[in-house]
Amino acid sequence: MGTEEITTILSSTLRLTAPLAFAACGEYLAERAGTQNISVEGMMLGGAFGSVAVASATGSATTGLLAGAIVGLVVGWLHGNLSHRVQINTFVVGLVLNALVLGLTSFLIAISTFDAHQVGQVGIPGLKDVPILGPFFEQRWPMYLLLLIVPLTWYLVERSRWGLNLRAVADNPQAADVTGLKVNKLRRQALLYCGLMSGLGGAYLATGEVGTFNANMTAGRGFIVIAAVIFGAWRLKGTLIGCLVFGFADALRLALPALGVQLNSQLLVAAPYLMALLAMMLFASKSREPRALGKPFVRGIT
């Protein structure tokens, strides 16, 4: 394997990691608030469809990217209200939303009249005219949003008063409630942030990388994101490393056949998911998760 092949694999790793990293920032924050968000897959898929639909209608992939983030936000809003206001089990809500978004997007893409294969390129008007750096950032700027989103997420969780409150409701919601914190409201806010980031991740996958929408195009990436948070022991740095590991596995799956390495094709397709399963088995029992993770809060019940 030469330098060119290694460079190609590393470049593919970064590109394939980016959608995971967007969603992982949101899922990390949601879980640090005590919410086990299973619907991240639906958020990403909905964001992917919304971005392509709006990009096709407006002719602007950048507008589509923003629309995808809003679709993810809506899914997060639905999850929060169904699990907290209607008090349906959050795992059931997540699975139902995943199935709903999968069925709805598959139906809509089948009957739609827009051209999902011509969504243009993600770009900022005038950016390519900036000397030297402009052309380089023109097609990649959504990926570089991570340079802002990652430190923002870290600051929100670890340094802001809001993040302190999130961590409090994740570890001991009853005690947090006694101090006057609105536990479920804080968790809903975390889900909205998760929806926004996951929708952005799905939108970037569709408009920034693939350039089209296919039914079930996220293909389980939302569950890989959950595995990455577990892999990272509920720490942002570890979570992003987990995304890189899974992105590398996906890049290797695509690169090996081109390099003439003959392996079972189905095994290659399953490799990232097998790695995610292995990570959960190895790290879930050794990590300290938030004590109230996934546990519903009802005032007066301990």
Protein backbone atom coordinates (compact mmCIF):
# COMPACT_ATOMS: atom_id res chain seq x y z
CA MET A 1 0.00 0.00 0.00
CA GLY A 2 1.57 3.26 -1.15
CA THR A 3 1.41 6.83 0.12
CA GLU A 4 -1.38 7.72 -2.32
CA GLU A 5 -3.59 4.87 -1.12
CA ILE A 6 -2.99 5.76 2.54
CA THR A 7 -3.83 9.40 1.84
CA THR A 8 -7.04 8.35 0.09
CA ILE A 9 -8.10 6.16 3.02
CA LEU A 10 -7.36 8.91 5.55
CA SER A 11 -9.26 11.47 3.47
CA SER A 12 -12.23 9.10 3.20
CA THR A 13 -12.06 8.50 6.95
CA LEU A 14 -12.46 12.22 7.67
CA ARG A 15 -15.33 12.56 5.20
CA LEU A 16 -17.17 9.53 6.57
CA THR A 17 -16.53 10.59 10.16
CA ALA A 18 -18.02 14.07 9.73
CA PRO A 19 -21.74 13.06 9.65
CA LEU A 20 -21.15 10.80 12.67
CA ALA A 21 -19.35 13.58 14.55
CA PHE A 22 -22.18 16.08 14.02
CA ALA A 23 -24.73 13.65 15.43
CA ALA A 24 -22.36 12.45 18.17
CA CYS A 25 -22.01 15.97 19.57
CA GLY A 26 -25.78 16.08 19.98
CA GLU A 27 -26.13 12.55 21.33
CA TYR A 28 -23.29 13.14 23.80
CA LEU A 29 -25.04 16.22 25.20
CA ALA A 30 -28.41 14.45 25.36
CA GLU A 31 -26.98 11.48 27.25
CA ARG A 32 -25.14 13.76 29.65
CA ALA A 33 -28.62 15.10 30.45
CA GLY A 34 -29.84 11.58 31.21
CA THR A 35 -31.73 10.98 27.96
CA GLN A 36 -31.00 7.76 26.06
CA ASN A 37 -31.91 9.04 22.63
CA ILE A 38 -32.61 6.06 20.38
CA SER A 39 -34.22 8.30 17.74
CA VAL A 40 -30.90 9.76 16.55
CA GLU A 41 -31.16 7.47 13.51
CA GLY A 42 -34.52 9.00 12.60
CA MET A 43 -33.15 12.51 13.17
CA MET A 44 -30.30 11.87 10.75
CA LEU A 45 -32.52 10.24 8.13
CA GLY A 46 -35.13 12.99 8.37
CA GLY A 47 -32.41 15.61 8.07
CA ALA A 48 -31.01 13.89 4.99
CA PHE A 49 -34.41 13.82 3.24
CA GLY A 50 -35.34 17.36 4.26
CA SER A 51 -32.06 18.74 3.00
CA VAL A 52 -32.37 17.10 -0.43
CA ALA A 53 -36.04 18.09 -0.79
CA VAL A 54 -35.37 21.75 0.02
CA ALA A 55 -32.13 21.84 -1.99
CA SER A 56 -33.98 20.52 -5.04
CA ALA A 57 -36.79 23.04 -4.59
CA THR A 58 -34.56 26.08 -4.01
CA GLY A 59 -31.52 25.13 -6.05
CA SER A 60 -29.33 25.79 -3.03
CA ALA A 61 -27.67 22.89 -1.24
CA THR A 62 -26.67 25.26 1.57
CA THR A 63 -30.33 26.10 2.20
CA GLY A 64 -31.03 22.38 2.12
CA LEU A 65 -28.36 21.84 4.78
CA LEU A 66 -30.11 24.29 7.10
CA ALA A 67 -33.51 22.71 6.36
CA GLY A 68 -32.16 19.29 7.28
CA ALA A 69 -31.03 20.61 10.65
CA ILE A 70 -34.56 21.96 11.24
CA VAL A 71 -36.12 18.59 10.37
CA GLY A 72 -33.86 16.94 12.95
CA LEU A 73 -34.94 19.59 15.45
CA VAL A 74 -38.60 18.71 14.82
CA VAL A 75 -37.91 15.01 15.45
CA GLY A 76 -36.16 15.96 18.71
CA TRP A 77 -39.17 18.08 19.69
CA LEU A 78 -41.50 15.15 19.04
CA HIS A 79 -39.32 12.79 21.08
CA GLY A 80 -39.16 15.15 24.02
CA ASN A 81 -42.87 15.87 24.15
CA LEU A 82 -43.98 12.27 23.67
CA SER A 83 -41.60 10.92 26.32
CA HIS A 84 -42.01 13.71 28.88
CA ARG A 85 -45.43 15.29 28.42
CA VAL A 86 -47.33 12.19 27.24
CA GLN A 87 -44.99 10.02 29.38
CA ILE A 88 -44.42 7.24 26.86
CA ASN A 89 -41.32 5.12 27.44
CA THR A 90 -38.41 6.94 25.79
CA PHE A 91 -37.05 3.76 24.20
CA VAL A 92 -40.43 3.01 22.63
CA VAL A 93 -40.69 6.61 21.41
CA GLY A 94 -37.24 6.39 19.83
CA LEU A 95 -37.97 3.13 18.02
CA VAL A 96 -41.36 4.40 16.80
CA LEU A 97 -39.85 7.64 15.50
CA ASN A 98 -37.11 5.72 13.69
CA ALA A 99 -39.70 3.51 12.01
CA LEU A 100 -41.95 6.48 11.25
CA VAL A 101 -39.19 8.53 9.61
CA LEU A 102 -37.93 5.51 7.66
CA GLY A 103 -41.40 4.72 6.31
CA LEU A 104 -42.33 8.34 5.67
CA THR A 105 -39.14 9.24 3.81
CA SER A 106 -39.26 6.03 1.75
CA PHE A 107 -42.87 6.82 0.79
CA LEU A 108 -42.18 10.48 0.00
CA ILE A 109 -39.10 9.78 -2.13
CA ALA A 110 -41.15 7.22 -4.10
CA ILE A 111 -43.93 9.67 -4.94
CA SER A 112 -41.90 12.88 -5.11
CA THR A 113 -41.49 14.82 -8.32
CA PHE A 114 -38.25 16.60 -7.42
CA ASP A 115 -34.94 15.34 -8.76
CA ALA A 116 -33.13 13.91 -5.75
CA HIS A 117 -30.02 13.35 -7.85
CA GLN A 118 -29.41 17.01 -8.66
CA VAL A 119 -29.08 18.99 -5.46
CA GLY A 120 -26.10 21.11 -6.46
CA GLN A 121 -23.06 21.67 -4.27
CA VAL A 122 -22.89 22.97 -0.73
CA GLY A 123 -21.26 26.38 -0.84
CA ILE A 124 -21.31 29.93 0.48
CA PRO A 125 -21.71 32.65 -2.16
CA GLY A 126 -18.45 34.50 -2.69
CA LEU A 127 -16.36 32.15 -0.58
CA LYS A 128 -14.54 30.68 -3.57
CA ASP A 129 -13.28 34.16 -4.49
CA VAL A 130 -11.24 34.43 -1.29
CA PRO A 131 -7.55 34.04 -2.24
CA ILE A 132 -5.81 30.72 -1.50
CA LEU A 133 -8.19 29.34 1.15
CA GLY A 134 -11.46 30.13 -0.63
CA PRO A 135 -11.49 27.27 -3.16
CA PHE A 136 -10.32 24.82 -0.50
CA PHE A 137 -13.11 25.68 1.94
CA GLU A 138 -15.81 26.18 -0.69
CA GLN A 139 -16.92 22.57 -0.90
CA ARG A 140 -15.80 21.50 2.57
CA TRP A 141 -17.07 24.26 4.84
CA PRO A 142 -19.86 22.19 6.49
CA MET A 143 -17.23 19.71 7.67
CA TYR A 144 -15.21 22.55 9.16
CA LEU A 145 -18.26 23.61 11.14
CA LEU A 146 -17.14 20.85 13.48
CA LEU A 147 -14.23 23.07 14.49
CA LEU A 148 -16.87 25.35 16.03
CA ILE A 149 -19.45 22.79 17.11
CA VAL A 150 -17.07 20.52 19.03
CA PRO A 151 -15.70 23.22 21.37
CA LEU A 152 -19.19 24.71 21.67
CA THR A 153 -20.60 21.35 22.79
CA TRP A 154 -17.74 20.86 25.25
CA TYR A 155 -18.28 24.34 26.68
CA LEU A 156 -22.04 23.88 27.00
CA VAL A 157 -21.65 20.61 28.94
CA GLU A 158 -18.51 21.24 30.99
CA ARG A 159 -18.33 24.98 31.59
CA SER A 160 -21.75 26.59 31.29
CA ARG A 161 -24.34 26.85 34.04
CA TRP A 162 -26.82 25.14 31.74
CA GLY A 163 -24.44 22.22 31.32
CA LEU A 164 -24.01 21.97 35.09
CA ASN A 165 -27.78 21.70 35.39
CA LEU A 166 -27.87 19.05 32.65
CA ARG A 167 -25.30 16.93 34.46
CA ALA A 168 -27.19 17.35 37.72
CA VAL A 169 -30.47 16.05 36.27
CA ALA A 170 -28.59 13.15 34.67
CA ASP A 171 -26.99 11.97 37.92
CA ASN A 172 -29.68 12.70 40.49
CA PRO A 173 -32.91 14.10 39.04
CA GLN A 174 -34.77 13.94 42.37
CA ALA A 175 -32.16 16.07 44.11
CA ALA A 176 -32.06 18.44 41.13
CA ASP A 177 -35.83 18.79 41.31
CA VAL A 178 -35.65 19.69 45.01
CA THR A 179 -33.26 22.54 44.19
CA GLY A 180 -35.79 23.95 41.72
CA LEU A 181 -34.44 22.63 38.43
CA LYS A 182 -37.04 21.62 35.84
CA VAL A 183 -35.72 18.17 35.04
CA ASN A 184 -37.80 17.21 32.03
CA LYS A 185 -37.60 20.71 30.54
CA LEU A 186 -33.80 20.53 30.64
CA ARG A 187 -33.86 17.08 29.07
CA ARG A 188 -36.16 18.32 26.30
CA GLN A 189 -33.74 21.16 25.61
CA ALA A 190 -30.92 18.61 25.31
CA LEU A 191 -33.03 16.59 22.86
CA LEU A 192 -33.59 19.70 20.75
CA TYR A 193 -29.85 20.25 20.56
CA CYS A 194 -29.37 16.59 19.68
CA GLY A 195 -32.02 16.86 16.96
CA LEU A 196 -30.37 19.95 15.50
CA MET A 197 -26.91 18.34 15.37
CA SER A 198 -28.19 14.98 14.12
CA GLY A 199 -30.29 16.63 11.42
CA LEU A 200 -27.21 18.59 10.39
CA GLY A 201 -25.22 15.36 10.24
CA GLY A 202 -27.81 13.68 8.03
CA ALA A 203 -28.09 16.78 5.85
CA TYR A 204 -24.31 16.90 5.38
CA LEU A 205 -24.29 13.22 4.46
CA ALA A 206 -26.93 13.81 1.77
CA THR A 207 -25.97 17.19 0.32
CA GLY A 208 -22.29 17.46 1.19
CA GLU A 209 -21.10 13.92 0.51
CA VAL A 210 -23.54 11.78 -1.45
CA GLY A 211 -25.38 14.52 -3.35
CA THR A 212 -28.69 12.65 -3.39
CA PHE A 213 -31.17 10.84 -1.17
CA ASN A 214 -31.86 7.12 -1.11
CA ALA A 215 -34.29 5.24 1.11
CA ASN A 216 -32.63 4.37 4.44
CA MET A 217 -29.43 6.07 3.33
CA THR A 218 -28.19 6.55 6.92
CA ALA A 219 -28.13 2.73 7.20
CA GLY A 220 -27.77 2.49 10.97
CA ARG A 221 -25.34 5.38 11.43
CA GLY A 222 -27.49 6.69 14.27
CA PHE A 223 -26.88 3.52 16.24
CA ILE A 224 -23.15 3.76 15.50
CA VAL A 225 -23.28 7.24 17.04
CA ILE A 226 -24.80 5.79 20.22
CA ALA A 227 -22.03 3.18 20.26
CA ALA A 228 -19.45 5.96 19.84
CA VAL A 229 -20.75 7.74 22.95
CA ILE A 230 -20.45 4.49 24.91
CA PHE A 231 -17.02 3.86 23.38
CA GLY A 232 -15.96 7.32 24.58
CA ALA A 233 -17.17 6.66 28.14
CA TRP A 234 -19.53 9.64 27.94
CA ARG A 235 -16.63 12.02 27.31
CA LEU A 236 -16.60 14.20 24.21
CA LYS A 237 -12.98 13.46 23.28
CA GLY A 238 -13.52 9.72 23.53
CA THR A 239 -16.78 9.99 21.60
CA LEU A 240 -15.06 11.73 18.69
CA ILE A 241 -12.27 9.15 18.73
CA GLY A 242 -14.98 6.49 18.50
CA CYS A 243 -16.44 8.27 15.46
CA LEU A 244 -12.99 8.29 13.85
CA VAL A 245 -12.57 4.56 14.50
CA PHE A 246 -15.94 3.76 12.92
CA GLY A 247 -15.25 6.18 10.04
CA PHE A 248 -11.93 4.45 9.42
CA ALA A 249 -13.63 1.05 9.37
CA ASP A 250 -16.11 2.36 6.80
CA ALA A 251 -13.32 3.90 4.69
CA LEU A 252 -11.38 0.66 4.79
CA ARG A 253 -14.48 -1.21 3.65
CA LEU A 254 -14.64 1.01 0.56
CA ALA A 255 -10.91 1.01 -0.11
CA LEU A 256 -9.99 -2.67 0.20
CA PRO A 257 -11.75 -3.89 -2.99
CA ALA A 258 -10.09 -1.07 -4.97
CA LEU A 259 -6.72 -2.19 -3.61
CA GLY A 260 -7.33 -5.71 -4.86
CA VAL A 261 -7.89 -7.22 -1.43
CA GLN A 262 -10.47 -9.95 -1.87
CA LEU A 263 -12.72 -10.34 1.16
CA ASN A 264 -16.34 -11.37 1.54
CA SER A 265 -18.37 -8.33 0.47
CA GLN A 266 -21.04 -8.88 3.11
CA LEU A 267 -18.37 -9.06 5.80
CA LEU A 268 -16.96 -5.73 4.63
CA VAL A 269 -20.39 -4.12 4.76
CA ALA A 270 -20.94 -5.46 8.28
CA ALA A 271 -17.47 -4.45 9.56
CA PRO A 272 -18.38 -0.99 10.99
CA TYR A 273 -21.44 -2.42 12.74
CA LEU A 274 -19.52 -5.36 14.13
CA MET A 275 -16.96 -2.91 15.46
CA ALA A 276 -19.74 -0.86 17.06
CA LEU A 277 -21.16 -3.98 18.72
CA LEU A 278 -17.71 -4.96 19.96
CA ALA A 279 -17.13 -1.48 21.37
CA MET A 280 -20.39 -1.60 23.31
CA MET A 281 -19.52 -5.02 24.71
CA LEU A 282 -16.04 -3.93 25.80
CA PHE A 283 -16.68 -0.45 27.12
CA ALA A 284 -20.30 -0.33 28.34
CA SER A 285 -19.59 -2.23 31.56
CA LYS A 286 -16.31 -0.41 32.26
CA SER A 287 -17.54 3.15 31.89
CA ARG A 288 -19.37 5.34 34.32
CA GLU A 289 -22.57 6.36 32.64
CA PRO A 290 -24.83 9.06 34.12
CA ARG A 291 -26.66 7.37 36.98
CA ALA A 292 -30.14 8.26 35.75
CA LEU A 293 -29.43 7.63 32.05
CA GLY A 294 -32.59 6.44 30.33
CA LYS A 295 -34.66 6.57 33.51
CA PRO A 296 -37.84 8.63 33.30
CA PHE A 297 -38.34 11.35 35.90
CA VAL A 298 -41.64 11.53 37.73
CA ARG A 299 -41.78 13.93 40.65
CA GLY A 300 -42.08 12.17 44.00
CA ILE A 301 -40.94 8.76 42.70
CA THR A 302 -37.42 7.64 43.57
